[in-house]
Amino acid sequence: MRGIQTNDDGSIVVEGAERSLTYTPRLITLDDGTTIAHESQGGELSSVWALDLGGDWFVEVAHLGDGPVGGELVMTVTHIGLDETLRHVAIGDLWAADLPSDVPPSWPVAVDLALGLMEGQVHILGGDITKDDVETLHQRLLGALHG
């Protein structure tokens, strides 16, 4: 299957020519069983991790700040093809259709940073959302936090 596949459970599998990984909002699992998680979730990641999957597939994972749970990971996948470069972004649990009654102050900051990853031609993974939806969420988070 080389490429990106979203599973029914919400996980996202990215497969390059040499390596593959599975993304969930707070855990990355490599094909050799190695896991990547933020420190707050028992992992060793403090900010950014990257891997070349081979065959022109490159993945970057970042912790941009805590969202509703904490330790949420954002994944950017770049595929350099013959005709064009395709970028995909998964924001996981930083996305929420409904806001909880208590919004952590770091959540709108993390969403703002994620929006910065969505410049240009980008496909958002893990749901049927657009950049406009994420911008609207950011404004709702700021409103909930600052009234």
Protein backbone atom coordinates (compact mmCIF):
# COMPACT_ATOMS: atom_id res chain seq x y z
CA MET A 1 0.00 0.00 0.00
CA ARG A 2 2.62 2.82 -0.05
CA GLY A 3 0.93 6.03 1.05
CA ILE A 4 -1.57 7.14 3.70
CA GLN A 5 -4.56 5.20 5.00
CA THR A 6 -7.08 6.27 7.65
CA ASN A 7 -8.50 3.33 9.60
CA ASP A 8 -11.99 2.96 11.09
CA ASP A 9 -10.55 3.43 14.60
CA GLY A 10 -9.21 6.89 13.63
CA SER A 11 -5.57 5.81 13.42
CA ILE A 12 -3.57 6.85 10.37
CA VAL A 13 -1.01 4.56 8.74
CA VAL A 14 1.78 6.11 6.65
CA GLU A 15 3.86 3.71 4.59
CA GLY A 16 7.00 4.62 2.70
CA ALA A 17 9.35 2.41 0.70
CA GLU A 18 11.42 1.45 3.76
CA ARG A 19 9.41 2.16 6.92
CA SER A 20 5.85 2.66 8.12
CA LEU A 21 4.16 4.11 11.16
CA THR A 22 0.76 4.37 12.77
CA TYR A 23 -0.41 7.73 14.16
CA THR A 24 -2.92 8.18 16.94
CA PRO A 25 -3.43 11.55 18.67
CA ARG A 26 -0.97 10.83 21.51
CA LEU A 27 1.11 7.90 20.23
CA ILE A 28 3.17 7.06 17.15
CA THR A 29 4.03 3.38 16.63
CA LEU A 30 6.74 2.45 14.14
CA ASP A 31 6.75 -0.80 12.17
CA ASP A 32 9.51 -2.17 14.43
CA GLY A 33 7.39 -1.60 17.56
CA THR A 34 9.17 1.58 18.68
CA THR A 35 6.74 4.14 20.14
CA ILE A 36 6.91 7.92 20.25
CA ALA A 37 4.86 9.84 22.83
CA HIS A 38 5.12 13.16 24.64
CA GLU A 39 6.75 13.24 28.07
CA SER A 40 3.38 13.94 29.69
CA GLN A 41 2.12 10.62 28.25
CA GLY A 42 5.13 8.59 29.45
CA GLY A 43 7.23 9.03 26.31
CA GLU A 44 10.50 10.81 25.65
CA LEU A 45 9.36 13.40 23.08
CA SER A 46 9.57 16.97 24.34
CA SER A 47 8.94 18.89 21.11
CA VAL A 48 9.76 17.46 17.64
CA TRP A 49 10.63 14.11 16.05
CA ALA A 50 11.15 13.27 12.35
CA LEU A 51 11.66 10.21 10.16
CA ASP A 52 12.32 9.56 6.47
CA LEU A 53 10.11 6.59 5.54
CA GLY A 54 11.86 6.14 2.21
CA GLY A 55 10.49 6.51 -1.28
CA ASP A 56 10.03 10.28 -0.89
CA TRP A 57 7.82 10.03 2.23
CA PHE A 58 8.91 12.19 5.19
CA VAL A 59 7.12 12.54 8.55
CA GLU A 60 7.47 15.17 11.28
CA VAL A 61 5.69 14.86 14.63
CA ALA A 62 5.43 17.76 17.07
CA HIS A 63 3.94 18.53 20.44
CA LEU A 64 2.70 22.11 19.97
CA GLY A 65 1.08 22.39 23.39
CA ASP A 66 -1.58 20.63 25.38
CA GLY A 67 -5.12 20.45 24.11
CA PRO A 68 -8.14 19.02 25.95
CA VAL A 69 -6.27 15.94 27.24
CA GLY A 70 -2.57 16.82 27.14
CA GLY A 71 0.29 15.34 25.15
CA GLU A 72 -1.52 15.69 21.80
CA LEU A 73 0.71 15.15 18.76
CA VAL A 74 0.49 16.84 15.39
CA MET A 75 1.86 14.96 12.37
CA THR A 76 2.96 16.46 9.06
CA VAL A 77 3.54 14.07 6.15
CA THR A 78 5.30 15.26 3.02
CA HIS A 79 5.38 13.25 -0.18
CA ILE A 80 7.63 14.48 -2.94
CA GLY A 81 6.23 13.08 -6.18
CA LEU A 82 7.31 13.46 -9.78
CA ASP A 83 4.90 16.30 -10.52
CA GLU A 84 4.21 17.87 -7.14
CA THR A 85 4.88 17.88 -3.42
CA LEU A 86 1.89 16.84 -1.33
CA ARG A 87 1.61 17.79 2.35
CA HIS A 88 -0.80 16.29 4.84
CA VAL A 89 -1.41 17.37 8.44
CA ALA A 90 -3.08 15.40 11.26
CA ILE A 91 -4.00 17.45 14.32
CA GLY A 92 -5.62 14.60 16.25
CA ASP A 93 -7.33 15.58 19.48
CA LEU A 94 -6.45 19.25 19.10
CA TRP A 95 -9.59 19.22 16.93
CA ALA A 96 -12.95 19.22 18.73
CA ALA A 97 -16.40 19.79 17.30
CA ASP A 98 -17.71 20.57 20.79
CA LEU A 99 -15.78 22.43 23.47
CA PRO A 100 -15.62 21.22 27.06
CA SER A 101 -16.64 23.59 29.84
CA ASP A 102 -12.98 24.10 30.82
CA VAL A 103 -10.52 25.13 28.08
CA PRO A 104 -6.82 24.83 29.03
CA PRO A 105 -4.92 28.06 28.17
CA SER A 106 -2.40 26.14 26.04
CA TRP A 107 -5.07 24.68 23.70
CA PRO A 108 -5.74 27.80 21.56
CA VAL A 109 -1.98 28.36 21.33
CA ALA A 110 -1.43 24.79 20.09
CA VAL A 111 -4.24 25.16 17.52
CA ASP A 112 -2.74 28.49 16.36
CA LEU A 113 0.64 26.79 15.83
CA ALA A 114 -1.07 23.92 13.97
CA LEU A 115 -2.70 26.47 11.66
CA GLY A 116 0.79 27.64 10.77
CA LEU A 117 1.49 24.15 9.42
CA MET A 118 -1.51 24.40 7.10
CA GLU A 119 -0.19 27.09 4.77
CA GLY A 120 -0.46 26.43 1.06
CA GLN A 121 -1.88 23.28 -0.49
CA VAL A 122 -2.43 20.91 2.46
CA HIS A 123 -4.78 18.00 3.09
CA ILE A 124 -5.99 17.67 6.69
CA LEU A 125 -6.03 14.04 7.84
CA GLY A 126 -8.24 12.33 10.40
CA GLY A 127 -11.66 13.73 9.71
CA ASP A 128 -13.72 15.72 7.30
CA ILE A 129 -12.42 19.12 8.39
CA THR A 130 -10.93 22.06 6.53
CA LYS A 131 -8.49 24.79 7.46
CA ASP A 132 -11.50 27.10 7.85
CA ASP A 133 -12.96 24.68 10.41
CA VAL A 134 -9.69 24.77 12.37
CA GLU A 135 -9.63 28.59 12.22
CA THR A 136 -13.20 28.66 13.55
CA LEU A 137 -12.22 26.28 16.37
CA HIS A 138 -9.32 28.59 17.24
CA GLN A 139 -11.69 31.57 17.54
CA ARG A 140 -14.16 29.53 19.66
CA LEU A 141 -11.31 28.44 21.97
CA LEU A 142 -10.17 32.05 22.40
CA GLY A 143 -13.76 33.10 23.12
CA ALA A 144 -14.21 30.35 25.71
CA LEU A 145 -10.93 31.25 27.37
CA HIS A 146 -11.22 35.04 27.32
CA GLY A 147 -14.99 35.50 27.12
